[in-house]
Amino acid sequence: MTFRALARMIPLLGLSMLSATTQADYQRGYVSMVGSSTVVPYAKAAADRFAKGGRFHEALIQASGTGGALALFCESNGAEAPDVALASRAIKAREKDACSKNGIGEVVELKIGYDALILVQSRKVEPWSLTAKEARLAFAKWLAQPDGSMSLNPNHTWKDVRDTLPAEPIAILGPPITSSSYDAFIDLISELECKQAPWVPAGAKEATPDLLHKCRSVREDGIYREGDDEAHIALISSATHPEVGVFGYKLLQDHLKEVHAIPIDGIEPTYANISSDTYSGARPLYFYVKASAIIRTPGLKEFLSEVVSEKSWGENGYLRKAGLITLPASERDAIVGKLRAYGINPSLAPANDVAPAKSSASKKGKSK
């Protein structure tokens, strides 16, 4: 028996002991994905459909959070590393650098649709709206003053933020600070603010790292409380005071009888406003794919073809029914056009004539 043949018999958990050469040659035989628990349900829905017909092994899908997924993704091209990272934010420059340093090669970015980060309140509370500036005045740790200096946020009631709001304590229930949802919340209250004076010094094109860190900080004085979505939605639903929760679009839709959204700058977080990226809390969702794995991993090309088929991510597709906010048709067409260069084609998606296979392994993570 050759060493290569022996290597192929070694269980997956032992692959880290193999040499880099053996790992490069090894085919695990199925698609491996890891990532954000926001994106995992959509990957799983497509994988269940993809498994119909039995041509390929079921995909392995694990939840670890966006940051953890991209770290694993960029570690190596070996069989122990995932083919696809499921991300609820765009890949960061330092993550791209890690992929490059570790010889990952080309990484294909596939934007699959949108979710949104939405501020909500109990329906027991009189509804009101906020501007992006007012949201920052309520939740940011540091505020810029008219003289160009920065000071710790002095606002403790909603009336301090806007005179017409109630004189009730500011309170916000949000995602864990280690999650990509927390990053998206920071974007919501800081994105435009941090690109202008006084955060960007005179004559500079962008803020210094220290000023940017300060600008993108959230209150640490007890006003922001991190925690689990389900626990928080229960607290918000029963609240008789104006506590604010930070949730995704699907959770809002699931609890519309108990809570309502707070418009930002007069824009409601409707499906159309999120899909067109008009609502400021909209956040794109991604599959990051190793180009080398499209060739190397059996079934990956066909799985991705399933994802970008109209029956999947289209206006009436099953991913929309699962909660995904789809991209406009013109954007979907443009993405499919680019993916054809990698052999990905919606026509390769399997026919839906067999009952979906049972999911192989789906591990739930705490962060999104």
Protein backbone atom coordinates (compact mmCIF):
# COMPACT_ATOMS: atom_id res chain seq x y z
CA MET A 1 0.00 0.00 0.00
CA THR A 2 1.34 3.45 -0.93
CA PHE A 3 1.70 6.24 1.64
CA ARG A 4 -0.88 8.28 -0.20
CA ALA A 5 -3.38 5.41 -0.09
CA LEU A 6 -2.68 4.95 3.62
CA ALA A 7 -3.17 8.67 4.23
CA ARG A 8 -6.60 8.53 2.65
CA MET A 9 -7.65 5.97 5.21
CA ILE A 10 -6.71 8.11 8.19
CA PRO A 11 -9.80 9.65 9.87
CA LEU A 12 -10.41 13.36 9.38
CA LEU A 13 -9.55 14.23 12.99
CA GLY A 14 -6.02 12.97 12.44
CA LEU A 15 -5.32 15.03 9.36
CA SER A 16 -3.37 17.69 11.24
CA MET A 17 -0.60 15.11 11.70
CA LEU A 18 -0.08 14.74 7.97
CA SER A 19 2.58 16.63 6.03
CA ALA A 20 1.63 19.67 3.97
CA THR A 21 2.24 17.69 0.79
CA THR A 22 -0.11 14.91 1.86
CA GLN A 23 -2.79 17.44 2.87
CA ALA A 24 -2.55 19.13 -0.52
CA ASP A 25 -3.15 15.77 -2.21
CA TYR A 26 -5.90 14.65 0.18
CA GLN A 27 -9.55 14.92 -0.86
CA ARG A 28 -11.89 14.70 2.11
CA GLY A 29 -14.69 13.76 -0.27
CA TYR A 30 -17.33 16.27 0.82
CA VAL A 31 -17.85 20.03 1.10
CA SER A 32 -16.87 21.60 4.45
CA MET A 33 -18.30 24.95 5.58
CA VAL A 34 -18.04 26.91 8.82
CA GLY A 35 -19.27 30.33 9.85
CA SER A 36 -21.82 32.77 11.15
CA SER A 37 -24.96 31.34 12.72
CA THR A 38 -26.81 34.04 10.76
CA VAL A 39 -25.68 32.47 7.47
CA VAL A 40 -25.59 28.77 8.49
CA PRO A 41 -29.38 28.22 8.04
CA TYR A 42 -29.16 29.35 4.40
CA ALA A 43 -26.13 27.17 3.72
CA LYS A 44 -27.94 24.25 5.33
CA ALA A 45 -31.12 24.82 3.29
CA ALA A 46 -29.11 24.83 0.06
CA ALA A 47 -27.07 21.80 1.19
CA ASP A 48 -30.25 19.81 1.88
CA ARG A 49 -31.51 20.53 -1.64
CA PHE A 50 -28.07 19.89 -3.12
CA ALA A 51 -27.96 16.45 -1.48
CA LYS A 52 -31.01 15.33 -3.46
CA GLY A 53 -30.17 12.68 -5.99
CA GLY A 54 -27.31 11.25 -3.95
CA ARG A 55 -24.51 12.16 -6.38
CA PHE A 56 -22.35 13.67 -3.63
CA HIS A 57 -21.77 13.26 0.09
CA GLU A 58 -23.66 15.53 2.47
CA ALA A 59 -21.89 18.76 3.31
CA LEU A 60 -20.43 19.36 6.77
CA ILE A 61 -21.72 22.67 8.15
CA GLN A 62 -20.54 24.11 11.47
CA ALA A 63 -21.30 27.39 13.25
CA SER A 64 -18.41 29.25 14.86
CA GLY A 65 -19.05 32.96 14.23
CA THR A 66 -17.69 34.97 11.32
CA GLY A 67 -14.30 35.82 12.85
CA GLY A 68 -13.58 32.25 13.93
CA ALA A 69 -14.68 30.89 10.56
CA LEU A 70 -12.39 33.17 8.58
CA ALA A 71 -9.48 32.33 10.89
CA LEU A 72 -9.98 28.60 10.20
CA PHE A 73 -10.56 29.25 6.51
CA CYS A 74 -7.27 31.12 6.18
CA GLU A 75 -5.19 28.58 8.13
CA SER A 76 -4.41 26.20 5.29
CA ASN A 77 -5.52 24.43 2.14
CA GLY A 78 -5.50 21.12 3.98
CA ALA A 79 -8.49 18.86 4.36
CA GLU A 80 -8.97 19.92 8.00
CA ALA A 81 -9.67 23.51 6.88
CA PRO A 82 -13.08 24.50 5.44
CA ASP A 83 -13.71 25.09 1.76
CA VAL A 84 -16.18 27.86 2.51
CA ALA A 85 -16.41 30.53 5.23
CA LEU A 86 -19.95 31.75 5.92
CA ALA A 87 -19.76 35.43 6.89
CA SER A 88 -22.24 38.05 8.08
CA ARG A 89 -19.78 40.82 7.22
CA ALA A 90 -17.12 41.44 4.60
CA ILE A 91 -13.69 39.91 5.10
CA LYS A 92 -11.24 42.30 6.79
CA ALA A 93 -7.84 43.36 5.45
CA ARG A 94 -5.98 41.49 8.20
CA GLU A 95 -7.95 38.33 7.37
CA LYS A 96 -7.04 38.68 3.70
CA ASP A 97 -3.41 39.07 4.76
CA ALA A 98 -3.63 35.85 6.79
CA CYS A 99 -5.02 33.98 3.80
CA SER A 100 -2.24 35.33 1.60
CA LYS A 101 0.48 34.54 4.15
CA ASN A 102 -0.73 30.93 4.45
CA GLY A 103 -0.83 30.35 0.71
CA ILE A 104 -4.59 30.06 0.36
CA GLY A 105 -4.52 31.57 -3.11
CA GLU A 106 -7.52 33.19 -4.73
CA VAL A 107 -10.59 33.66 -2.55
CA VAL A 108 -13.94 34.00 -4.33
CA GLU A 109 -16.43 36.34 -2.67
CA LEU A 110 -20.06 35.34 -3.16
CA LYS A 111 -22.58 37.81 -1.79
CA ILE A 112 -25.80 35.82 -1.28
CA GLY A 113 -28.20 38.46 0.08
CA TYR A 114 -28.87 40.63 3.11
CA ASP A 115 -29.83 40.56 6.73
CA ALA A 116 -30.34 43.75 8.74
CA LEU A 117 -29.56 44.99 12.20
CA ILE A 118 -32.70 46.66 13.53
CA LEU A 119 -33.50 48.68 16.63
CA VAL A 120 -36.79 47.50 18.13
CA GLN A 121 -39.10 48.34 21.01
CA SER A 122 -42.08 46.75 22.72
CA ARG A 123 -45.50 47.44 21.23
CA LYS A 124 -46.51 48.40 24.77
CA VAL A 125 -44.39 51.55 24.33
CA GLU A 126 -45.44 54.55 22.23
CA PRO A 127 -43.50 54.29 18.91
CA TRP A 128 -40.92 56.86 17.93
CA SER A 129 -38.05 57.17 15.50
CA LEU A 130 -34.38 58.13 15.69
CA THR A 131 -31.88 59.71 13.37
CA ALA A 132 -28.47 58.08 12.95
CA LYS A 133 -27.01 61.01 14.89
CA GLU A 134 -29.45 60.48 17.78
CA ALA A 135 -28.63 56.77 17.89
CA ARG A 136 -24.99 57.73 18.27
CA LEU A 137 -25.84 60.26 21.01
CA ALA A 138 -27.57 57.44 22.88
CA PHE A 139 -25.16 54.53 22.43
CA ALA A 140 -21.62 55.71 21.59
CA LYS A 141 -19.01 55.84 24.35
CA TRP A 142 -17.24 58.94 22.99
CA LEU A 143 -18.89 62.00 21.46
CA ALA A 144 -17.30 64.82 19.48
CA GLN A 145 -17.87 68.30 20.87
CA PRO A 146 -18.36 71.54 18.87
CA ASP A 147 -14.83 72.68 19.73
CA GLY A 148 -13.36 69.51 18.20
CA SER A 149 -12.63 67.76 21.50
CA MET A 150 -14.00 64.34 22.50
CA SER A 151 -15.78 63.56 25.74
CA LEU A 152 -17.44 60.58 27.38
CA ASN A 153 -21.14 60.33 26.59
CA PRO A 154 -23.05 62.37 29.20
CA ASN A 155 -26.56 61.35 28.04
CA HIS A 156 -28.45 59.10 30.44
CA THR A 157 -32.10 59.61 29.49
CA TRP A 158 -33.79 59.69 26.10
CA LYS A 159 -34.79 63.28 26.78
CA ASP A 160 -31.04 64.12 26.90
CA VAL A 161 -30.81 62.85 23.32
CA ARG A 162 -33.86 64.72 22.01
CA ASP A 163 -36.11 66.99 24.00
CA THR A 164 -39.31 65.41 22.65
CA LEU A 165 -38.33 61.90 23.81
CA PRO A 166 -39.37 60.60 27.25
CA ALA A 167 -37.30 61.30 30.35
CA GLU A 168 -36.65 57.57 30.75
CA PRO A 169 -33.24 55.93 31.22
CA ILE A 170 -31.46 54.87 28.04
CA ALA A 171 -31.15 51.09 27.91
CA ILE A 172 -30.15 48.82 25.05
CA LEU A 173 -30.06 45.03 24.84
CA GLY A 174 -27.60 43.94 22.16
CA PRO A 175 -25.54 41.05 20.77
CA PRO A 176 -22.34 39.74 22.40
CA ILE A 177 -19.36 42.02 21.88
CA THR A 178 -17.44 39.16 20.24
CA SER A 179 -20.02 38.74 17.45
CA SER A 180 -20.17 40.19 13.96
CA SER A 181 -23.64 41.50 14.86
CA TYR A 182 -21.94 43.73 17.42
CA ASP A 183 -19.58 44.96 14.69
CA ALA A 184 -22.62 45.74 12.54
CA PHE A 185 -24.19 47.67 15.42
CA ILE A 186 -21.01 49.76 15.70
CA ASP A 187 -21.23 50.44 11.96
CA LEU A 188 -24.82 51.58 12.40
CA ILE A 189 -23.91 54.26 14.96
CA SER A 190 -20.43 55.16 13.69
CA GLU A 191 -19.98 54.55 9.95
CA LEU A 192 -20.48 58.12 8.71
CA GLU A 193 -19.36 59.87 11.91
CA CYS A 194 -15.89 58.32 11.84
CA LYS A 195 -15.19 59.53 8.29
CA GLN A 196 -15.41 63.23 9.10
CA ALA A 197 -13.93 65.89 11.38
CA PRO A 198 -12.96 65.97 14.18
CA TRP A 199 -12.26 62.23 14.02
CA VAL A 200 -10.39 62.72 10.74
CA PRO A 201 -7.66 65.30 11.39
CA ALA A 202 -7.35 68.32 9.09
CA GLY A 203 -5.50 67.41 5.92
CA ALA A 204 -5.83 63.65 6.52
CA LYS A 205 -7.91 61.22 4.45
CA GLU A 206 -8.95 59.03 7.37
CA ALA A 207 -8.89 58.81 11.15
CA THR A 208 -5.78 57.58 12.92
CA PRO A 209 -6.08 54.06 14.42
CA ASP A 210 -6.40 55.52 17.94
CA LEU A 211 -9.12 57.99 16.95
CA LEU A 212 -10.95 55.36 14.91
CA HIS A 213 -10.96 52.98 17.88
CA LYS A 214 -12.34 55.76 20.06
CA CYS A 215 -14.97 56.72 17.51
CA ARG A 216 -16.13 53.12 17.10
CA SER A 217 -16.57 52.40 20.79
CA VAL A 218 -19.88 51.57 22.50
CA ARG A 219 -20.84 52.64 26.01
CA GLU A 220 -19.43 50.62 28.89
CA ASP A 221 -21.35 52.30 31.70
CA GLY A 222 -24.10 49.70 31.99
CA ILE A 223 -26.41 51.16 29.36
CA TYR A 224 -25.41 48.52 26.78
CA ARG A 225 -26.16 44.96 27.91
CA GLU A 226 -25.02 42.05 25.77
CA GLY A 227 -26.77 38.73 25.66
CA ASP A 228 -28.76 36.08 23.80
CA ASP A 229 -31.31 37.10 21.16
CA GLU A 230 -34.12 34.90 22.46
CA ALA A 231 -33.70 36.11 26.05
CA HIS A 232 -33.55 39.73 24.91
CA ILE A 233 -36.59 39.53 22.62
CA ALA A 234 -38.58 38.14 25.56
CA LEU A 235 -37.49 41.06 27.77
CA ILE A 236 -38.24 43.67 25.09
CA SER A 237 -41.64 42.12 24.29
CA SER A 238 -42.80 42.46 27.89
CA ALA A 239 -41.21 45.86 28.56
CA THR A 240 -43.38 48.83 29.51
CA HIS A 241 -40.43 51.23 29.40
CA PRO A 242 -38.55 52.27 26.23
CA GLU A 243 -35.72 49.73 26.32
CA VAL A 244 -34.27 49.18 22.85
CA GLY A 245 -33.23 45.81 21.46
CA VAL A 246 -30.89 45.09 18.56
CA PHE A 247 -32.08 42.18 16.40
CA GLY A 248 -31.91 40.73 12.92
CA TYR A 249 -34.68 41.00 10.34
CA LYS A 250 -36.01 37.47 10.73
CA LEU A 251 -36.32 37.71 14.51
CA LEU A 252 -38.27 40.95 14.09
CA GLN A 253 -40.60 39.29 11.59
CA ASP A 254 -41.14 36.36 13.95
CA HIS A 255 -42.21 38.70 16.77
CA LEU A 256 -44.15 41.47 15.00
CA LYS A 257 -47.08 41.02 17.37
CA GLU A 258 -44.90 41.92 20.35
CA VAL A 259 -42.36 44.44 19.01
CA HIS A 260 -41.99 47.12 16.36
CA ALA A 261 -38.99 48.57 14.54
CA ILE A 262 -37.57 52.04 15.16
CA PRO A 263 -37.08 53.85 11.82
CA ILE A 264 -33.62 55.36 11.29
CA ASP A 265 -33.56 58.75 9.52
CA GLY A 266 -37.20 58.13 8.64
CA ILE A 267 -36.45 54.89 6.77
CA GLU A 268 -38.28 51.76 7.88
CA PRO A 269 -36.39 48.43 7.79
CA THR A 270 -38.72 46.97 5.14
CA TYR A 271 -37.73 44.12 2.85
CA ALA A 272 -37.43 46.50 -0.12
CA ASN A 273 -35.35 49.06 1.80
CA ILE A 274 -32.94 46.40 3.03
CA SER A 275 -32.63 44.62 -0.34
CA SER A 276 -31.79 47.93 -2.03
CA ASP A 277 -29.30 48.79 0.76
CA THR A 278 -31.31 51.94 1.53
CA TYR A 279 -31.81 51.14 5.22
CA SER A 280 -28.65 52.02 7.14
CA GLY A 281 -28.75 48.81 9.18
CA ALA A 282 -28.65 46.52 6.13
CA ARG A 283 -25.73 44.09 6.16
CA PRO A 284 -24.68 41.82 3.29
CA LEU A 285 -24.09 38.10 3.83
CA TYR A 286 -21.26 36.22 2.13
CA PHE A 287 -19.83 32.86 1.20
CA TYR A 288 -16.02 33.07 0.93
CA VAL A 289 -14.77 30.18 -1.19
CA LYS A 290 -11.28 28.88 -1.92
CA ALA A 291 -10.90 28.89 -5.70
CA SER A 292 -8.62 25.85 -5.46
CA ALA A 293 -11.33 23.96 -3.56
CA ILE A 294 -13.83 24.48 -6.39
CA ILE A 295 -11.59 22.19 -8.46
CA ARG A 296 -10.40 19.95 -5.63
CA THR A 297 -13.48 19.22 -3.50
CA PRO A 298 -16.11 16.88 -4.99
CA GLY A 299 -19.49 18.58 -5.19
CA LEU A 300 -18.43 22.12 -4.27
CA LYS A 301 -18.98 23.50 -7.77
CA GLU A 302 -22.41 21.87 -7.90
CA PHE A 303 -23.32 23.10 -4.39
CA LEU A 304 -22.47 26.70 -5.29
CA SER A 305 -24.43 26.30 -8.52
CA GLU A 306 -27.41 25.30 -6.35
CA VAL A 307 -26.98 28.40 -4.17
CA VAL A 308 -27.07 30.80 -7.15
CA SER A 309 -29.96 29.10 -8.94
CA GLU A 310 -33.17 31.10 -9.10
CA LYS A 311 -35.07 28.38 -7.25
CA SER A 312 -32.67 29.01 -4.37
CA TRP A 313 -31.78 32.70 -4.06
CA GLY A 314 -34.38 34.15 -6.43
CA GLU A 315 -37.36 36.32 -5.54
CA ASN A 316 -39.53 33.24 -4.98
CA GLY A 317 -36.71 30.93 -3.91
CA TYR A 318 -36.57 28.73 -0.87
CA LEU A 319 -33.82 30.85 0.74
CA ARG A 320 -36.16 33.83 0.81
CA LYS A 321 -38.77 31.65 2.47
CA ALA A 322 -36.10 30.73 5.02
CA GLY A 323 -35.63 34.43 5.86
CA LEU A 324 -32.94 35.64 3.44
CA ILE A 325 -33.41 39.11 1.96
CA THR A 326 -32.56 38.55 -1.67
CA LEU A 327 -30.41 40.70 -3.94
CA PRO A 328 -31.97 42.64 -6.81
CA ALA A 329 -32.23 40.57 -10.00
CA SER A 330 -29.63 42.68 -11.81
CA GLU A 331 -27.08 42.09 -9.04
CA ARG A 332 -27.80 38.36 -8.98
CA ASP A 333 -27.29 38.17 -12.74
CA ALA A 334 -23.98 40.05 -12.51
CA ILE A 335 -22.71 37.70 -9.77
CA VAL A 336 -23.68 34.58 -11.74
CA GLY A 337 -21.89 36.00 -14.77
CA LYS A 338 -18.65 36.35 -12.80
CA LEU A 339 -18.97 32.89 -11.23
CA ARG A 340 -19.14 31.19 -14.63
CA ALA A 341 -15.37 31.71 -14.90
CA TYR A 342 -15.01 29.15 -12.08
CA GLY A 343 -17.34 26.62 -13.68
CA ILE A 344 -20.23 27.58 -11.40
CA ASN A 345 -23.49 27.57 -13.33
CA PRO A 346 -27.09 27.38 -12.07
CA SER A 347 -27.77 24.73 -14.71
CA LEU A 348 -25.52 22.36 -12.71
CA ALA A 349 -27.88 22.45 -9.71
CA PRO A 350 -29.52 19.04 -9.12
CA ALA A 351 -33.12 18.43 -10.05
CA ASN A 352 -35.55 18.48 -7.12
CA ASP A 353 -36.95 15.00 -7.62
CA VAL A 354 -35.66 13.27 -4.48
CA ALA A 355 -36.41 13.90 -0.81
CA PRO A 356 -33.69 16.00 0.88
CA ALA A 357 -30.99 14.07 2.71
CA LYS A 358 -30.64 14.42 6.44
CA SER A 359 -28.05 17.05 7.42
CA SER A 360 -24.67 15.57 8.31
CA ALA A 361 -23.34 17.72 11.14
CA SER A 362 -24.53 21.10 12.20
CA LYS A 363 -23.07 22.48 15.38
CA LYS A 364 -24.64 25.52 16.91
CA GLY A 365 -22.42 28.43 17.98
CA LYS A 366 -23.15 31.15 20.45
CA SER A 367 -21.99 34.10 18.39
CA LYS A 368 -23.30 35.24 15.04
